[in-house]
Amino acid sequence: MKIKSTKAKIGDWVFVGICVIVSLVCVLPMLNLLAKSLSGSEALVRNDVYLLPKGLNFDAYLQVFKNSKYVWAFFWTVFLTFVCTMVSLTMSTLCAYPLIFEKLKGRSAINVFITVTMFFNAGAIPNYLLMQKIGLLDNPLVLIIPGCLSVYNMIIMRSFFYGIPDSLRESAEIDGANFFQILLKIYVPLSKPVLATLALFYAVGRWNGYGDALMYMKNEKFYPLQLYLYNIMNNTNKMEVATQEGFSSPGLAASMKAAVVMFSTVPILMIYPWLQRFFIQGVTLGAVKE
């Protein structure tokens, strides 16, 4: 049994300390929001709430769940996130797969063309005019199609495909498998770790996204939950808007903002434990053993 040196033990404790500090930085703001969402109006007006709720009440959550537009926005955002994640994973896979073949004509030019789009874009106004021209303004598809492919995530997928031994593909080709059969039966099953990682990236990006809906959508029926949260955070300081949103007091307004933040944050946090089992498999998992 190998005994660790004193320096190694000190290094371990330093690493543990850093992890604890980073964890507290992430957890404490969430605890503060949770406490505010469960606190009474008087304590919030006095700014007397930190990590534990004071004057426990659930008025803010009742306001959220009684408001049908928030409930509908939640389910719409869940559906939108699922659809966008599946479409984006499909697009990333179909775009990355052909680029690993050396015999693909113009592969270098395609790689350069795709990479350039990471650094340059037309800008907000040309994009708006484009969406208007192709009839996507105020259309739910505008929340799916324009952002269905991330070049950065596609490059991650392509790099992972490069790591899969060519011998697997060549053996499948000898057996008569075509390109799509090789993709579905060899590459996709071996790519669960990277698929899970990219699924998390795409899901979090779509769940937290509101800029496209703010710019392109006028129909409130298709507002994602984060856009409602954006409006609440911006407008609850205005008394007339606060009254329209159901806020009867400044304390309830602060509690309501915290409750909506928790309402929109907790669901996406629940995805992390489910995907963790794929991360621990490691990206070097393969089917070739020496």
Protein backbone atom coordinates (compact mmCIF):
# COMPACT_ATOMS: atom_id res chain seq x y z
CA MET A 1 0.00 0.00 0.00
CA LYS A 2 1.48 3.33 -1.08
CA ILE A 3 1.53 6.05 1.61
CA LYS A 4 0.98 9.61 0.46
CA SER A 5 3.62 12.19 1.26
CA THR A 6 2.88 15.24 3.38
CA LYS A 7 2.92 17.49 0.30
CA ALA A 8 0.40 15.23 -1.44
CA LYS A 9 -1.91 15.33 1.59
CA ILE A 10 -1.66 19.13 1.76
CA GLY A 11 -2.43 19.30 -1.96
CA ASP A 12 -5.51 17.12 -1.44
CA TRP A 13 -6.79 19.38 1.35
CA VAL A 14 -6.18 22.48 -0.76
CA PHE A 15 -8.11 20.89 -3.62
CA VAL A 16 -10.96 19.96 -1.28
CA GLY A 17 -11.02 23.51 0.09
CA ILE A 18 -11.24 24.97 -3.41
CA CYS A 19 -14.10 22.59 -4.27
CA VAL A 20 -15.96 23.59 -1.09
CA ILE A 21 -15.56 27.30 -1.86
CA VAL A 22 -16.75 26.86 -5.46
CA SER A 23 -19.72 24.77 -4.24
CA LEU A 24 -20.70 27.45 -1.73
CA VAL A 25 -20.48 30.14 -4.41
CA CYS A 26 -22.94 28.11 -6.51
CA VAL A 27 -25.28 26.97 -3.72
CA LEU A 28 -25.60 30.06 -1.50
CA PRO A 29 -27.34 32.27 -4.13
CA MET A 30 -29.86 29.49 -4.72
CA LEU A 31 -30.52 29.19 -0.98
CA ASN A 32 -30.97 32.95 -0.78
CA LEU A 33 -33.52 32.89 -3.61
CA LEU A 34 -35.36 29.96 -2.04
CA ALA A 35 -35.49 31.79 1.30
CA LYS A 36 -36.84 34.94 -0.36
CA SER A 37 -39.49 33.00 -2.24
CA LEU A 38 -40.76 31.51 1.02
CA SER A 39 -40.50 34.63 3.20
CA GLY A 40 -43.14 37.11 4.27
CA SER A 41 -43.45 40.56 2.72
CA GLU A 42 -42.37 42.46 5.83
CA ALA A 43 -39.05 40.62 6.10
CA LEU A 44 -38.37 41.20 2.41
CA VAL A 45 -39.15 44.91 2.64
CA ARG A 46 -36.69 45.18 5.54
CA ASN A 47 -34.14 43.25 3.44
CA ASP A 48 -33.81 40.87 6.36
CA VAL A 49 -33.75 37.55 4.50
CA TYR A 50 -30.50 35.71 3.83
CA LEU A 51 -30.33 31.90 3.85
CA LEU A 52 -33.40 30.99 5.89
CA PRO A 53 -36.98 32.12 5.21
CA LYS A 54 -38.63 34.49 7.67
CA GLY A 55 -42.39 34.67 8.10
CA LEU A 56 -42.86 31.45 6.14
CA ASN A 57 -45.60 31.62 3.51
CA PHE A 58 -46.29 30.24 0.07
CA ASP A 59 -48.15 33.23 -1.41
CA ALA A 60 -45.58 33.75 -4.17
CA TYR A 61 -45.80 30.14 -5.36
CA LEU A 62 -49.58 30.25 -5.21
CA GLN A 63 -49.49 33.35 -7.42
CA VAL A 64 -47.24 31.51 -9.90
CA PHE A 65 -49.34 28.36 -10.09
CA LYS A 66 -52.65 30.26 -10.25
CA ASN A 67 -51.39 32.24 -13.22
CA SER A 68 -52.16 30.09 -16.26
CA LYS A 69 -49.67 31.87 -18.52
CA TYR A 70 -46.75 30.83 -16.31
CA VAL A 71 -47.92 27.22 -16.17
CA TRP A 72 -48.44 27.13 -19.93
CA ALA A 73 -45.05 28.80 -20.51
CA PHE A 74 -43.43 26.12 -18.36
CA PHE A 75 -44.87 23.21 -20.35
CA TRP A 76 -44.23 25.01 -23.64
CA THR A 77 -40.60 25.56 -22.65
CA VAL A 78 -40.20 21.91 -21.66
CA PHE A 79 -41.57 20.82 -25.04
CA LEU A 80 -39.46 23.41 -26.87
CA THR A 81 -36.31 22.35 -25.04
CA PHE A 82 -36.88 18.67 -25.84
CA VAL A 83 -37.57 19.30 -29.53
CA CYS A 84 -34.63 21.70 -29.94
CA THR A 85 -32.26 19.30 -28.20
CA MET A 86 -33.25 16.38 -30.40
CA VAL A 87 -33.08 18.45 -33.59
CA SER A 88 -29.72 19.96 -32.61
CA LEU A 89 -28.19 16.59 -31.75
CA THR A 90 -29.36 15.20 -35.07
CA MET A 91 -27.96 18.16 -36.99
CA SER A 92 -24.64 18.05 -35.12
CA THR A 93 -24.26 14.33 -35.80
CA LEU A 94 -25.19 14.55 -39.48
CA CYS A 95 -22.85 17.50 -39.99
CA ALA A 96 -19.88 16.01 -38.10
CA TYR A 97 -20.06 12.49 -39.54
CA PRO A 98 -19.24 13.23 -43.21
CA LEU A 99 -16.32 15.47 -42.22
CA ILE A 100 -14.32 12.55 -40.81
CA PHE A 101 -14.00 10.95 -44.25
CA GLU A 102 -10.74 11.94 -45.96
CA LYS A 103 -12.19 11.10 -49.37
CA LEU A 104 -14.91 13.74 -49.00
CA LYS A 105 -14.27 16.29 -51.76
CA GLY A 106 -13.80 19.82 -50.52
CA ARG A 107 -13.59 18.72 -46.88
CA SER A 108 -10.96 21.34 -45.99
CA ALA A 109 -12.96 24.15 -47.59
CA ILE A 110 -16.12 23.01 -45.80
CA ASN A 111 -14.30 22.95 -42.46
CA VAL A 112 -13.01 26.48 -43.02
CA PHE A 113 -16.41 27.76 -44.15
CA ILE A 114 -18.13 26.27 -41.10
CA THR A 115 -15.49 27.55 -38.68
CA VAL A 116 -15.72 31.11 -40.03
CA THR A 117 -19.38 31.26 -38.98
CA MET A 118 -18.26 30.95 -35.35
CA PHE A 119 -16.57 34.35 -35.49
CA PHE A 120 -18.62 36.37 -37.99
CA ASN A 121 -22.36 36.87 -38.40
CA ALA A 122 -24.59 39.37 -40.15
CA GLY A 123 -25.90 41.03 -37.00
CA ALA A 124 -29.29 41.53 -35.37
CA ILE A 125 -30.97 43.68 -38.05
CA PRO A 126 -30.01 41.51 -41.07
CA ASN A 127 -31.07 38.42 -39.12
CA TYR A 128 -34.42 40.04 -38.34
CA LEU A 129 -34.93 40.93 -42.01
CA LEU A 130 -34.01 37.37 -42.98
CA MET A 131 -36.55 35.89 -40.58
CA GLN A 132 -39.14 38.31 -41.96
CA LYS A 133 -38.30 37.38 -45.55
CA ILE A 134 -38.64 33.62 -45.00
CA GLY A 135 -41.85 34.00 -42.97
CA LEU A 136 -40.58 32.95 -39.55
CA LEU A 137 -41.50 36.11 -37.64
CA ASP A 138 -44.04 35.35 -34.91
CA ASN A 139 -43.76 31.67 -35.86
CA PRO A 140 -42.82 29.05 -33.21
CA LEU A 141 -40.34 27.57 -35.68
CA VAL A 142 -38.19 30.69 -35.28
CA LEU A 143 -37.30 29.36 -31.82
CA ILE A 144 -36.07 26.06 -33.31
CA ILE A 145 -34.63 26.43 -36.81
CA PRO A 146 -32.14 29.36 -36.56
CA GLY A 147 -30.32 27.90 -33.58
CA CYS A 148 -30.60 24.21 -34.43
CA LEU A 149 -26.84 23.83 -34.96
CA SER A 150 -23.94 25.06 -32.86
CA VAL A 151 -20.67 24.95 -34.79
CA TYR A 152 -18.70 24.65 -31.56
CA ASN A 153 -20.72 21.61 -30.46
CA MET A 154 -20.46 20.11 -33.94
CA ILE A 155 -16.66 20.41 -33.76
CA ILE A 156 -16.73 18.58 -30.41
CA MET A 157 -18.76 15.82 -32.03
CA ARG A 158 -16.41 15.64 -35.01
CA SER A 159 -13.37 15.43 -32.73
CA PHE A 160 -14.98 12.55 -30.86
CA PHE A 161 -15.69 10.73 -34.13
CA TYR A 162 -12.03 11.12 -35.05
CA GLY A 163 -11.13 9.16 -31.92
CA ILE A 164 -13.16 6.11 -32.96
CA PRO A 165 -10.80 3.62 -34.70
CA ASP A 166 -11.07 3.51 -38.46
CA SER A 167 -10.80 -0.29 -38.27
CA LEU A 168 -14.37 -0.46 -36.98
CA ARG A 169 -15.68 1.49 -39.94
CA GLU A 170 -13.55 -0.44 -42.43
CA SER A 171 -14.70 -3.79 -41.08
CA ALA A 172 -18.33 -2.67 -41.36
CA GLU A 173 -17.72 -1.52 -44.95
CA ILE A 174 -16.27 -4.92 -45.79
CA ASP A 175 -19.44 -6.52 -44.41
CA GLY A 176 -21.49 -4.35 -46.77
CA ALA A 177 -22.74 -1.66 -44.39
CA ASN A 178 -23.51 1.73 -45.93
CA PHE A 179 -22.69 5.14 -44.45
CA PHE A 180 -25.91 5.50 -42.46
CA GLN A 181 -25.73 1.94 -41.10
CA ILE A 182 -22.17 2.60 -39.90
CA LEU A 183 -23.32 5.83 -38.26
CA LEU A 184 -26.32 4.30 -36.48
CA LYS A 185 -24.76 0.97 -35.48
CA ILE A 186 -21.17 1.96 -34.68
CA TYR A 187 -20.65 5.68 -34.18
CA VAL A 188 -23.84 6.62 -32.34
CA PRO A 189 -23.70 3.73 -29.80
CA LEU A 190 -20.05 4.56 -29.02
CA SER A 191 -20.82 8.27 -28.68
CA LYS A 192 -23.15 8.21 -25.67
CA PRO A 193 -20.82 10.31 -23.47
CA VAL A 194 -20.43 13.12 -26.01
CA LEU A 195 -24.10 12.94 -27.00
CA ALA A 196 -25.09 13.32 -23.34
CA THR A 197 -22.71 16.24 -22.94
CA LEU A 198 -23.97 18.04 -26.03
CA ALA A 199 -27.57 17.30 -25.08
CA LEU A 200 -26.93 19.09 -21.80
CA PHE A 201 -25.34 22.06 -23.60
CA TYR A 202 -28.22 22.36 -26.05
CA ALA A 203 -30.92 21.84 -23.40
CA VAL A 204 -29.48 24.43 -21.02
CA GLY A 205 -28.97 26.90 -23.86
CA ARG A 206 -32.55 26.57 -25.07
CA TRP A 207 -34.06 26.54 -21.58
CA ASN A 208 -32.24 29.74 -20.63
CA GLY A 209 -32.76 31.42 -24.01
CA TYR A 210 -35.13 34.33 -24.42
CA GLY A 211 -33.37 36.72 -26.82
CA ASP A 212 -34.78 35.11 -29.96
CA ALA A 213 -38.33 35.15 -28.57
CA LEU A 214 -37.88 38.76 -27.44
CA MET A 215 -36.81 39.79 -30.93
CA TYR A 216 -38.95 37.61 -33.19
CA MET A 217 -42.12 36.68 -31.25
CA LYS A 218 -45.17 38.86 -30.59
CA ASN A 219 -47.63 36.12 -29.70
CA GLU A 220 -47.42 35.66 -25.92
CA LYS A 221 -48.76 32.13 -26.28
CA PHE A 222 -45.34 31.04 -27.51
CA TYR A 223 -43.23 33.00 -25.05
CA PRO A 224 -40.73 30.74 -23.29
CA LEU A 225 -40.67 30.85 -19.52
CA GLN A 226 -37.41 32.79 -19.43
CA LEU A 227 -38.96 35.67 -21.38
CA TYR A 228 -41.70 35.98 -18.76
CA LEU A 229 -38.98 35.95 -16.13
CA TYR A 230 -37.13 38.67 -18.04
CA ASN A 231 -40.28 40.80 -18.14
CA ILE A 232 -40.92 40.28 -14.44
CA MET A 233 -37.38 41.23 -13.46
CA ASN A 234 -37.60 44.38 -15.58
CA ASN A 235 -41.12 45.48 -14.80
CA THR A 236 -41.95 44.69 -11.18
CA ASN A 237 -40.44 47.97 -10.05
CA LYS A 238 -43.17 49.79 -11.99
CA MET A 239 -46.28 49.95 -9.88
CA GLU A 240 -48.76 49.81 -12.74
CA VAL A 241 -47.10 46.75 -14.28
CA ALA A 242 -46.74 45.14 -10.89
CA THR A 243 -50.47 45.51 -10.32
CA GLN A 244 -51.22 43.89 -13.69
CA GLU A 245 -48.97 40.96 -12.84
CA GLY A 246 -50.75 40.36 -9.54
CA PHE A 247 -48.22 41.92 -7.18
CA SER A 248 -50.09 43.56 -4.29
CA SER A 249 -47.04 44.85 -2.40
CA PRO A 250 -43.32 45.49 -2.89
CA GLY A 251 -42.54 42.56 -0.59
CA LEU A 252 -44.73 40.21 -2.58
CA ALA A 253 -43.12 41.51 -5.78
CA ALA A 254 -39.66 40.54 -4.49
CA SER A 255 -40.96 37.17 -3.29
CA MET A 256 -42.67 36.62 -6.64
CA LYS A 257 -39.48 37.31 -8.56
CA ALA A 258 -37.60 34.79 -6.42
CA ALA A 259 -40.37 32.20 -6.81
CA VAL A 260 -40.41 32.54 -10.60
CA VAL A 261 -36.61 32.20 -10.70
CA MET A 262 -36.84 28.99 -8.66
CA PHE A 263 -39.75 27.81 -10.79
CA SER A 264 -37.67 28.25 -13.95
CA THR A 265 -34.35 26.96 -12.57
CA VAL A 266 -35.09 23.77 -10.64
CA PRO A 267 -36.32 21.69 -13.63
CA ILE A 268 -33.12 22.14 -15.64
CA LEU A 269 -31.03 21.38 -12.54
CA MET A 270 -32.75 18.01 -12.28
CA ILE A 271 -31.24 16.97 -15.63
CA TYR A 272 -27.68 17.01 -14.32
CA PRO A 273 -27.90 13.93 -12.04
CA TRP A 274 -29.59 11.95 -14.81
CA LEU A 275 -26.78 12.71 -17.28
CA GLN A 276 -23.98 12.27 -14.75
CA ARG A 277 -23.84 8.51 -15.30
CA PHE A 278 -22.91 9.11 -18.93
CA PHE A 279 -20.11 11.51 -18.04
CA ILE A 280 -18.37 9.07 -15.72
CA GLN A 281 -18.09 6.49 -18.51
CA GLY A 282 -15.34 8.64 -20.04
CA VAL A 283 -14.92 9.84 -23.57
CA THR A 284 -12.27 7.20 -24.35
CA LEU A 285 -14.72 4.33 -24.11
CA GLY A 286 -14.45 2.23 -27.26
CA ALA A 287 -15.00 -1.19 -28.72
CA VAL A 288 -11.40 -2.13 -29.54
CA LYS A 289 -9.40 -3.97 -26.90
CA GLU A 290 -5.75 -4.90 -27.18
